[in-house]
PDB file of N, CA and C in Angstrom:
ATOM      1  N   MET A   1       0.915 -15.814 -35.819  1.00  0.00           N
ATOM      2  CA  MET A   1       1.317 -17.203 -35.892  1.00  0.00           C
ATOM      3  C   MET A   1       2.837 -17.320 -35.906  1.00  0.00           C
ATOM      4  N   ALA A   2       3.498 -16.427 -36.606  1.00  0.00           N
ATOM      5  CA  ALA A   2       4.951 -16.479 -36.680  1.00  0.00           C
ATOM      6  C   ALA A   2       5.576 -16.210 -35.313  1.00  0.00           C
ATOM      7  N   ALA A   3       4.954 -15.320 -34.527  1.00  0.00           N
ATOM      8  CA  ALA A   3       5.480 -15.020 -33.201  1.00  0.00           C
ATOM      9  C   ALA A   3       5.386 -16.254 -32.303  1.00  0.00           C
ATOM     10  N   ASN A   4       4.310 -17.027 -32.425  1.00  0.00           N
ATOM     11  CA  ASN A   4       4.185 -18.255 -31.648  1.00  0.00           C
ATOM     12  C   ASN A   4       5.261 -19.262 -32.031  1.00  0.00           C
ATOM     13  N   LEU A   5       5.519 -19.379 -33.302  1.00  0.00           N
ATOM     14  CA  LEU A   5       6.534 -20.308 -33.782  1.00  0.00           C
ATOM     15  C   LEU A   5       7.921 -19.906 -33.290  1.00  0.00           C
ATOM     16  N   VAL A   6       8.237 -18.626 -33.392  1.00  0.00           N
ATOM     17  CA  VAL A   6       9.541 -18.139 -32.929  1.00  0.00           C
ATOM     18  C   VAL A   6       9.658 -18.304 -31.420  1.00  0.00           C
ATOM     19  N   GLY A   7       8.621 -17.986 -30.698  1.00  0.00           N
ATOM     20  CA  GLY A   7       8.645 -18.129 -29.246  1.00  0.00           C
ATOM     21  C   GLY A   7       8.839 -19.575 -28.816  1.00  0.00           C
ATOM     22  N   ALA A   8       8.154 -20.489 -29.474  1.00  0.00           N
ATOM     23  CA  ALA A   8       8.294 -21.907 -29.154  1.00  0.00           C
ATOM     24  C   ALA A   8       9.698 -22.399 -29.459  1.00  0.00           C
ATOM     25  N   LEU A   9      10.246 -21.967 -30.560  1.00  0.00           N
ATOM     26  CA  LEU A   9      11.603 -22.367 -30.943  1.00  0.00           C
ATOM     27  C   LEU A   9      12.631 -21.840 -29.956  1.00  0.00           C
ATOM     28  N   VAL A  10      12.520 -20.567 -29.588  1.00  0.00           N
ATOM     29  CA  VAL A  10      13.448 -19.970 -28.625  1.00  0.00           C
ATOM     30  C   VAL A  10      13.317 -20.661 -27.269  1.00  0.00           C
ATOM     31  N   TRP A  11      12.101 -20.912 -26.816  1.00  0.00           N
ATOM     32  CA  TRP A  11      11.872 -21.576 -25.535  1.00  0.00           C
ATOM     33  C   TRP A  11      12.516 -22.973 -25.536  1.00  0.00           C
ATOM     34  N   GLY A  12      12.295 -23.732 -26.577  1.00  0.00           N
ATOM     35  CA  GLY A  12      12.856 -25.083 -26.660  1.00  0.00           C
ATOM     36  C   GLY A  12      14.369 -25.092 -26.682  1.00  0.00           C
ATOM     37  N   VAL A  13      14.965 -24.191 -27.442  1.00  0.00           N
ATOM     38  CA  VAL A  13      16.424 -24.131 -27.526  1.00  0.00           C
ATOM     39  C   VAL A  13      17.017 -23.691 -26.190  1.00  0.00           C
ATOM     40  N   LEU A  14      16.453 -22.651 -25.587  1.00  0.00           N
ATOM     41  CA  LEU A  14      16.997 -22.166 -24.317  1.00  0.00           C
ATOM     42  C   LEU A  14      16.832 -23.193 -23.199  1.00  0.00           C
ATOM     43  N   LEU A  15      15.724 -23.882 -23.167  1.00  0.00           N
ATOM     44  CA  LEU A  15      15.516 -24.894 -22.138  1.00  0.00           C
ATOM     45  C   LEU A  15      16.500 -26.047 -22.301  1.00  0.00           C
ATOM     46  N   THR A  16      16.747 -26.455 -23.535  1.00  0.00           N
ATOM     47  CA  THR A  16      17.691 -27.528 -23.806  1.00  0.00           C
ATOM     48  C   THR A  16      19.116 -27.123 -23.443  1.00  0.00           C
ATOM     49  N   VAL A  17      19.518 -25.927 -23.816  1.00  0.00           N
ATOM     50  CA  VAL A  17      20.868 -25.448 -23.513  1.00  0.00           C
ATOM     51  C   VAL A  17      21.060 -25.291 -22.006  1.00  0.00           C
ATOM     52  N   THR A  18      20.055 -24.786 -21.320  1.00  0.00           N
ATOM     53  CA  THR A  18      20.133 -24.644 -19.862  1.00  0.00           C
ATOM     54  C   THR A  18      20.296 -26.009 -19.200  1.00  0.00           C
ATOM     55  N   GLY A  19      19.543 -26.993 -19.642  1.00  0.00           N
ATOM     56  CA  GLY A  19      19.661 -28.348 -19.104  1.00  0.00           C
ATOM     57  C   GLY A  19      21.022 -28.957 -19.374  1.00  0.00           C
ATOM     58  N   TYR A  20      21.561 -28.683 -20.544  1.00  0.00           N
ATOM     59  CA  TYR A  20      22.887 -29.205 -20.896  1.00  0.00           C
ATOM     60  C   TYR A  20      23.949 -28.669 -19.943  1.00  0.00           C
ATOM     61  N   PHE A  21      23.927 -27.370 -19.686  1.00  0.00           N
ATOM     62  CA  PHE A  21      24.938 -26.781 -18.808  1.00  0.00           C
ATOM     63  C   PHE A  21      24.657 -27.095 -17.334  1.00  0.00           C
ATOM     64  N   ALA A  22      23.401 -27.233 -16.952  1.00  0.00           N
ATOM     65  CA  ALA A  22      23.079 -27.553 -15.568  1.00  0.00           C
ATOM     66  C   ALA A  22      23.497 -28.974 -15.230  1.00  0.00           C
ATOM     67  N   ALA A  23      23.539 -29.864 -16.207  1.00  0.00           N
ATOM     68  CA  ALA A  23      23.915 -31.252 -15.959  1.00  0.00           C
ATOM     69  C   ALA A  23      25.374 -31.395 -15.552  1.00  0.00           C
ATOM     70  N   SER A  24      26.185 -30.381 -15.774  1.00  0.00           N
ATOM     71  CA  SER A  24      27.589 -30.457 -15.378  1.00  0.00           C
ATOM     72  C   SER A  24      27.775 -30.191 -13.885  1.00  0.00           C
ATOM     73  N   ILE A  25      26.715 -29.758 -13.197  1.00  0.00           N
ATOM     74  CA  ILE A  25      26.764 -29.527 -11.750  1.00  0.00           C
ATOM     75  C   ILE A  25      26.303 -30.819 -11.074  1.00  0.00           C
ATOM     76  N   PRO A  26      27.162 -31.449 -10.248  1.00  0.00           N
ATOM     77  CA  PRO A  26      26.809 -32.758  -9.672  1.00  0.00           C
ATOM     78  C   PRO A  26      25.514 -32.771  -8.855  1.00  0.00           C
ATOM     79  N   ALA A  27      25.251 -31.732  -8.065  1.00  0.00           N
ATOM     80  CA  ALA A  27      24.034 -31.710  -7.241  1.00  0.00           C
ATOM     81  C   ALA A  27      22.784 -31.660  -8.120  1.00  0.00           C
ATOM     82  N   VAL A  28      22.853 -30.924  -9.194  1.00  0.00           N
ATOM     83  CA  VAL A  28      21.710 -30.827 -10.108  1.00  0.00           C
ATOM     84  C   VAL A  28      21.491 -32.161 -10.816  1.00  0.00           C
ATOM     85  N   LYS A  29      22.587 -32.818 -11.166  1.00  0.00           N
ATOM     86  CA  LYS A  29      22.487 -34.095 -11.863  1.00  0.00           C
ATOM     87  C   LYS A  29      21.812 -35.151 -10.986  1.00  0.00           C
ATOM     88  N   SER A  30      22.206 -35.254  -9.724  1.00  0.00           N
ATOM     89  CA  SER A  30      21.599 -36.256  -8.848  1.00  0.00           C
ATOM     90  C   SER A  30      20.148 -35.899  -8.524  1.00  0.00           C
ATOM     91  N   ALA A  31      19.856 -34.628  -8.363  1.00  0.00           N
ATOM     92  CA  ALA A  31      18.476 -34.212  -8.100  1.00  0.00           C
ATOM     93  C   ALA A  31      17.598 -34.487  -9.321  1.00  0.00           C
ATOM     94  N   ALA A  32      18.144 -34.327 -10.503  1.00  0.00           N
ATOM     95  CA  ALA A  32      17.368 -34.568 -11.718  1.00  0.00           C
ATOM     96  C   ALA A  32      16.964 -36.036 -11.812  1.00  0.00           C
ATOM     97  N   TYR A  33      17.836 -36.938 -11.405  1.00  0.00           N
ATOM     98  CA  TYR A  33      17.493 -38.360 -11.423  1.00  0.00           C
ATOM     99  C   TYR A  33      16.360 -38.647 -10.439  1.00  0.00           C
ATOM    100  N   LEU A  34      16.407 -38.050  -9.270  1.00  0.00           N
ATOM    101  CA  LEU A  34      15.346 -38.252  -8.285  1.00  0.00           C
ATOM    102  C   LEU A  34      14.017 -37.680  -8.764  1.00  0.00           C
ATOM    103  N   ILE A  35      14.055 -36.482  -9.296  1.00  0.00           N
ATOM    104  CA  ILE A  35      12.826 -35.844  -9.782  1.00  0.00           C
ATOM    105  C   ILE A  35      12.254 -36.620 -10.963  1.00  0.00           C
ATOM    106  N   GLY A  36      13.106 -37.018 -11.887  1.00  0.00           N
ATOM    107  CA  GLY A  36      12.645 -37.806 -13.029  1.00  0.00           C
ATOM    108  C   GLY A  36      12.043 -39.127 -12.599  1.00  0.00           C
ATOM    109  N   GLY A  37      12.687 -39.791 -11.640  1.00  0.00           N
ATOM    110  CA  GLY A  37      12.160 -41.051 -11.125  1.00  0.00           C
ATOM    111  C   GLY A  37      10.816 -40.875 -10.447  1.00  0.00           C
ATOM    112  N   ALA A  38      10.666 -39.776  -9.714  1.00  0.00           N
ATOM    113  CA  ALA A  38       9.389 -39.508  -9.044  1.00  0.00           C
ATOM    114  C   ALA A  38       8.272 -39.286 -10.066  1.00  0.00           C
ATOM    115  N   PHE A  39       8.575 -38.562 -11.143  1.00  0.00           N
ATOM    116  CA  PHE A  39       7.566 -38.331 -12.181  1.00  0.00           C
ATOM    117  C   PHE A  39       7.191 -39.637 -12.889  1.00  0.00           C
ATOM    118  N   ILE A  40       8.180 -40.465 -13.168  1.00  0.00           N
ATOM    119  CA  ILE A  40       7.901 -41.742 -13.831  1.00  0.00           C
ATOM    120  C   ILE A  40       7.059 -42.629 -12.924  1.00  0.00           C
ATOM    121  N   LEU A  41       7.435 -42.725 -11.654  1.00  0.00           N
ATOM    122  CA  LEU A  41       6.676 -43.530 -10.703  1.00  0.00           C
ATOM    123  C   LEU A  41       5.245 -43.002 -10.548  1.00  0.00           C
ATOM    124  N   GLY A  42       5.099 -41.678 -10.479  1.00  0.00           N
ATOM    125  CA  GLY A  42       3.769 -41.076 -10.373  1.00  0.00           C
ATOM    126  C   GLY A  42       2.907 -41.377 -11.588  1.00  0.00           C
ATOM    127  N   ALA A  43       3.510 -41.350 -12.773  1.00  0.00           N
ATOM    128  CA  ALA A  43       2.754 -41.642 -13.992  1.00  0.00           C
ATOM    129  C   ALA A  43       2.314 -43.100 -14.029  1.00  0.00           C
ATOM    130  N   ILE A  44       3.180 -43.991 -13.579  1.00  0.00           N
ATOM    131  CA  ILE A  44       2.824 -45.411 -13.550  1.00  0.00           C
ATOM    132  C   ILE A  44       1.689 -45.657 -12.557  1.00  0.00           C
ATOM    133  N   ILE A  45       1.798 -45.066 -11.379  1.00  0.00           N
ATOM    134  CA  ILE A  45       0.745 -45.236 -10.367  1.00  0.00           C
ATOM    135  C   ILE A  45      -0.576 -44.653 -10.855  1.00  0.00           C
ATOM    136  N   ALA A  46      -0.543 -43.468 -11.464  1.00  0.00           N
ATOM    137  CA  ALA A  46      -1.771 -42.855 -11.979  1.00  0.00           C
ATOM    138  C   ALA A  46      -2.397 -43.718 -13.062  1.00  0.00           C
ATOM    139  N   GLY A  47      -1.590 -44.310 -13.918  1.00  0.00           N
ATOM    140  CA  GLY A  47      -2.111 -45.191 -14.963  1.00  0.00           C
ATOM    141  C   GLY A  47      -2.765 -46.430 -14.397  1.00  0.00           C
ATOM    142  N   ILE A  48      -2.131 -47.027 -13.392  1.00  0.00           N
ATOM    143  CA  ILE A  48      -2.705 -48.225 -12.771  1.00  0.00           C
ATOM    144  C   ILE A  48      -4.016 -47.886 -12.068  1.00  0.00           C
ATOM    145  N   LEU A  49      -4.041 -46.786 -11.329  1.00  0.00           N
ATOM    146  CA  LEU A  49      -5.280 -46.395 -10.641  1.00  0.00           C
ATOM    147  C   LEU A  49      -6.402 -46.104 -11.634  1.00  0.00           C
ATOM    148  N   SER A  50      -6.088 -45.417 -12.714  1.00  0.00           N
ATOM    149  CA  SER A  50      -7.096 -45.117 -13.733  1.00  0.00           C
ATOM    150  C   SER A  50      -7.600 -46.403 -14.382  1.00  0.00           C
ATOM    151  N   TRP A  51      -6.712 -47.309 -14.664  1.00  0.00           N
ATOM    152  CA  TRP A  51      -7.101 -48.579 -15.265  1.00  0.00           C
ATOM    153  C   TRP A  51      -8.015 -49.356 -14.318  1.00  0.00           C
ATOM    154  N   ARG A  52      -7.684 -49.374 -13.029  1.00  0.00           N
ATOM    155  CA  ARG A  52      -8.504 -50.120 -12.058  1.00  0.00           C
ATOM    156  C   ARG A  52      -9.889 -49.487 -11.906  1.00  0.00           C
ATOM    157  N   ARG A  53      -9.972 -48.153 -11.964  1.00  0.00           N
ATOM    158  CA  ARG A  53     -11.262 -47.479 -11.832  1.00  0.00           C
ATOM    159  C   ARG A  53     -12.140 -47.672 -13.058  1.00  0.00           C
ATOM    160  N   ASN A  54     -11.532 -47.757 -14.227  1.00  0.00           N
ATOM    161  CA  ASN A  54     -12.307 -47.782 -15.474  1.00  0.00           C
ATOM    162  C   ASN A  54     -12.532 -49.169 -16.060  1.00  0.00           C
ATOM    163  N   ARG A  55     -11.982 -50.195 -15.469  1.00  0.00           N
ATOM    164  CA  ARG A  55     -12.175 -51.522 -16.059  1.00  0.00           C
ATOM    165  C   ARG A  55     -13.606 -51.992 -15.783  1.00  0.00           C
ATOM    166  N   VAL A  56     -14.100 -52.760 -16.703  1.00  0.00           N
ATOM    167  CA  VAL A  56     -15.483 -53.236 -16.620  1.00  0.00           C
ATOM    168  C   VAL A  56     -15.468 -54.591 -15.926  1.00  0.00           C
ATOM    169  N   VAL A  57     -16.283 -54.712 -14.909  1.00  0.00           N
ATOM    170  CA  VAL A  57     -16.397 -55.983 -14.191  1.00  0.00           C
ATOM    171  C   VAL A  57     -17.444 -56.818 -14.894  1.00  0.00           C
ATOM    172  N   ALA A  58     -17.030 -58.011 -15.362  1.00  0.00           N
ATOM    173  CA  ALA A  58     -17.945 -58.856 -16.139  1.00  0.00           C
ATOM    174  C   ALA A  58     -18.708 -59.812 -15.269  1.00  0.00           C
TER     175      ALA A  58
END
C-alpha cells in the first residue's frame, strides 16, 4: 500500500512539474489549448448524446 501511495505522489508531482516547464514553450502552450478545447467539446457532446438516448419519452 505504501508503494502505491509513493508512486502516485511521485507521478503527480512529476507530471505537474513537467507541465509547468512545458508551458514555457510557445508551441506546446498553443497546442495545449487546442487539445484541452477538444476534450471539453467532446465531453459536452458525449453528455448531450447520452442525455438524449436515456431520457424517457412521456
